[in-house]
N, C-alpha and C. Protein backbone atom coordinates (compact mmCIF):
# COMPACT_ATOMS: atom_id res chain seq x y z
N UNK A 1 -5.50 -22.69 2.36
CA UNK A 1 -5.96 -22.49 1.28
C UNK A 1 -4.78 -22.44 0.17
N UNK A 2 -4.74 -23.31 -0.75
CA UNK A 2 -3.64 -23.27 -1.66
C UNK A 2 -3.33 -21.96 -2.26
N UNK A 3 -2.04 -21.86 -2.56
CA UNK A 3 -1.52 -20.59 -3.32
C UNK A 3 -1.47 -20.78 -5.08
N UNK A 4 -1.46 -19.94 -5.80
CA UNK A 4 -1.37 -19.99 -7.00
C UNK A 4 0.01 -20.05 -7.62
N UNK A 5 0.59 -20.97 -8.38
CA UNK A 5 1.84 -21.02 -9.01
C UNK A 5 2.20 -19.90 -9.94
N UNK A 6 3.35 -19.43 -9.99
CA UNK A 6 3.73 -18.49 -11.02
C UNK A 6 4.51 -17.41 -10.49
N UNK A 7 5.28 -16.75 -11.27
CA UNK A 7 6.12 -15.58 -11.10
C UNK A 7 5.47 -14.14 -11.50
N UNK A 8 4.35 -14.26 -12.29
CA UNK A 8 3.73 -12.88 -12.52
C UNK A 8 3.55 -11.97 -11.45
N UNK A 9 3.39 -10.76 -11.60
CA UNK A 9 3.21 -9.67 -10.72
C UNK A 9 1.47 -10.14 -10.24
N UNK A 10 0.70 -10.19 -11.27
CA UNK A 10 -0.69 -10.53 -10.87
C UNK A 10 -0.80 -11.74 -10.01
N UNK A 11 -0.02 -12.79 -10.37
CA UNK A 11 -0.24 -14.05 -9.33
C UNK A 11 0.44 -13.83 -7.84
N UNK A 12 1.47 -13.15 -7.96
CA UNK A 12 2.06 -12.83 -6.52
C UNK A 12 0.88 -11.84 -5.66
N UNK A 13 0.47 -10.78 -6.66
CA UNK A 13 -0.63 -10.07 -5.87
C UNK A 13 -1.61 -10.76 -5.46
N UNK A 14 -2.28 -11.83 -6.04
CA UNK A 14 -3.33 -12.40 -5.59
C UNK A 14 -3.05 -13.27 -4.37
N UNK A 15 -1.94 -13.68 -4.58
CA UNK A 15 -1.59 -14.86 -3.13
C UNK A 15 -1.41 -13.91 -2.07
N UNK A 16 -0.91 -12.76 -2.14
CA UNK A 16 -0.78 -11.71 -1.01
C UNK A 16 -2.10 -11.51 -0.65
N UNK A 17 -3.13 -11.24 -1.48
CA UNK A 17 -4.48 -10.81 -1.03
C UNK A 17 -5.21 -12.06 -0.35
N UNK A 18 -4.82 -13.51 -0.84
CA UNK A 18 -5.60 -14.23 -0.23
C UNK A 18 -4.92 -14.50 1.18
N UNK A 19 -3.70 -14.30 1.44
CA UNK A 19 -2.95 -14.54 2.63
C UNK A 19 -3.68 -13.36 3.55
N UNK A 20 -3.48 -12.26 3.24
CA UNK A 20 -4.01 -11.18 4.08
C UNK A 20 -5.54 -11.56 4.46
N UNK A 21 -6.49 -11.70 3.63
CA UNK A 21 -7.70 -12.16 4.06
C UNK A 21 -7.74 -13.24 4.96
N UNK A 22 -7.08 -14.23 4.93
CA UNK A 22 -6.75 -15.01 5.95
C UNK A 22 -6.69 -14.80 7.16
N UNK A 23 -5.79 -13.77 7.21
CA UNK A 23 -5.53 -13.11 8.59
C UNK A 23 -6.66 -12.41 8.94
N UNK A 24 -7.37 -11.60 8.12
CA UNK A 24 -8.28 -10.82 8.59
C UNK A 24 -9.36 -11.85 9.20
N UNK A 25 -9.54 -12.84 8.55
CA UNK A 25 -10.77 -13.76 9.07
C UNK A 25 -10.34 -14.72 10.02
N UNK A 26 -9.29 -15.05 10.00
CA UNK A 26 -8.89 -16.27 11.03
C UNK A 26 -7.86 -15.73 12.05
N UNK A 27 -7.08 -14.75 11.63
CA UNK A 27 -6.11 -14.20 12.74
C UNK A 27 -4.78 -14.98 12.63
N UNK A 28 -4.82 -15.67 11.50
CA UNK A 28 -3.22 -16.31 11.32
C UNK A 28 -2.75 -16.22 9.75
N UNK A 29 -1.51 -15.94 9.47
CA UNK A 29 -0.96 -16.12 8.15
C UNK A 29 -0.13 -17.77 7.93
N UNK A 30 -0.69 -18.45 7.30
CA UNK A 30 -0.02 -19.69 7.40
C UNK A 30 -0.06 -20.23 8.67
N UNK A 31 1.02 -20.54 9.25
CA UNK A 31 1.45 -21.22 10.30
C UNK A 31 1.72 -20.19 11.39
N UNK A 32 1.88 -18.93 11.34
CA UNK A 32 2.28 -17.88 12.32
C UNK A 32 1.12 -16.92 12.54
N UNK A 33 1.13 -16.63 13.78
CA UNK A 33 0.08 -15.50 14.19
C UNK A 33 0.48 -14.14 14.46
N UNK A 34 0.65 -13.38 13.49
CA UNK A 34 1.53 -12.00 13.74
C UNK A 34 0.63 -11.11 14.73
N UNK A 35 1.36 -10.27 15.39
CA UNK A 35 0.66 -9.33 16.30
C UNK A 35 -0.03 -8.30 15.77
N UNK A 36 0.16 -7.88 14.52
CA UNK A 36 -0.42 -6.75 13.89
C UNK A 36 -0.93 -7.03 12.56
N UNK A 37 -1.88 -6.17 11.82
CA UNK A 37 -1.96 -6.33 10.49
C UNK A 37 -0.69 -6.06 9.66
N UNK A 38 -0.01 -5.00 10.11
CA UNK A 38 1.30 -4.56 9.21
C UNK A 38 2.17 -5.81 9.26
N UNK A 39 2.38 -6.62 10.46
CA UNK A 39 3.38 -7.56 10.28
C UNK A 39 2.52 -8.67 9.47
N UNK A 40 1.25 -9.07 9.48
CA UNK A 40 0.88 -9.90 8.81
C UNK A 40 0.94 -9.63 7.29
N UNK A 41 0.92 -8.53 6.83
CA UNK A 41 1.05 -8.20 5.24
C UNK A 41 2.55 -8.54 4.92
N UNK A 42 3.58 -7.93 6.04
CA UNK A 42 4.80 -8.17 5.75
C UNK A 42 4.97 -9.74 5.40
N UNK A 43 4.52 -10.65 6.29
CA UNK A 43 4.69 -12.13 6.18
C UNK A 43 4.07 -12.55 5.02
N UNK A 44 2.81 -12.04 4.60
CA UNK A 44 2.16 -12.38 3.44
C UNK A 44 2.93 -12.26 2.29
N UNK A 45 3.58 -11.22 1.99
CA UNK A 45 4.54 -10.68 0.86
C UNK A 45 5.64 -11.69 0.70
N UNK A 46 6.29 -12.10 2.06
CA UNK A 46 7.46 -13.03 2.00
C UNK A 46 6.84 -14.28 1.66
N UNK A 47 5.67 -14.87 2.16
CA UNK A 47 5.45 -16.23 1.64
C UNK A 47 5.14 -16.22 0.26
N UNK A 48 4.27 -15.17 -0.10
CA UNK A 48 3.96 -15.10 -1.95
C UNK A 48 5.25 -15.10 -2.46
N UNK A 49 6.11 -14.14 -2.35
CA UNK A 49 7.66 -14.08 -3.08
C UNK A 49 8.23 -15.53 -2.76
N UNK A 50 8.27 -16.06 -1.87
CA UNK A 50 8.98 -17.12 -1.64
C UNK A 50 8.29 -18.53 -2.59
N UNK A 51 7.01 -18.51 -2.49
CA UNK A 51 6.18 -19.56 -3.55
C UNK A 51 6.54 -19.28 -4.81
N UNK A 52 6.73 -18.01 -5.10
CA UNK A 52 6.91 -17.75 -6.67
C UNK A 52 8.40 -17.93 -7.06
N UNK A 53 9.36 -18.02 -5.83
CA UNK A 53 10.73 -18.32 -6.10
C UNK A 53 11.54 -17.07 -6.35
N UNK A 54 11.03 -15.82 -5.94
CA UNK A 54 11.67 -14.51 -6.15
C UNK A 54 11.78 -13.92 -4.91
N UNK A 55 13.22 -13.18 -4.78
CA UNK A 55 13.45 -12.48 -3.51
C UNK A 55 12.70 -11.13 -3.66
N UNK A 56 13.03 -10.34 -2.49
CA UNK A 56 12.52 -8.78 -2.59
C UNK A 56 13.34 -8.00 -3.53
N UNK A 57 14.57 -8.41 -3.40
CA UNK A 57 15.69 -7.54 -4.14
C UNK A 57 15.69 -8.03 -5.76
N UNK A 58 15.20 -9.11 -6.08
CA UNK A 58 15.33 -9.70 -7.30
C UNK A 58 13.94 -8.72 -7.98
N UNK A 59 12.80 -8.94 -7.19
CA UNK A 59 11.61 -8.16 -7.47
C UNK A 59 11.77 -6.77 -7.64
N UNK A 60 12.53 -6.04 -7.04
CA UNK A 60 12.64 -4.75 -7.03
C UNK A 60 13.73 -4.38 -8.23
N UNK A 61 14.70 -5.19 -8.71
CA UNK A 61 15.56 -5.05 -9.66
C UNK A 61 14.78 -5.32 -10.96
N UNK A 62 13.76 -6.32 -11.18
CA UNK A 62 13.02 -6.37 -12.33
C UNK A 62 12.13 -5.34 -12.49
N UNK A 63 11.51 -4.67 -11.74
CA UNK A 63 10.72 -3.29 -11.92
C UNK A 63 11.64 -2.43 -12.39
N UNK A 64 13.00 -1.92 -11.80
CA UNK A 64 13.66 -0.94 -12.47
C UNK A 64 14.08 -1.35 -13.77
N UNK A 65 14.38 -2.38 -14.05
CA UNK A 65 14.94 -2.78 -15.34
C UNK A 65 13.99 -2.64 -16.53
N UNK A 66 12.44 -2.86 -16.28
CA UNK A 66 11.42 -2.85 -17.19
C UNK A 66 11.08 -1.17 -17.45
């Protein structure tokens, strides 16, 4: 399922939700098969932030500066 383009918090959140839903339904996130839902969520966050072109550190820094 294609993910949305964009760097907004809403877009990233939407992409994470799609990826976690995919894990719940099919048992995989993109091409990986995490052992637990917790790992699937971490993987989904990494994929969504990568798609947006933002790292976790950049995301945290932007939240603190606003």
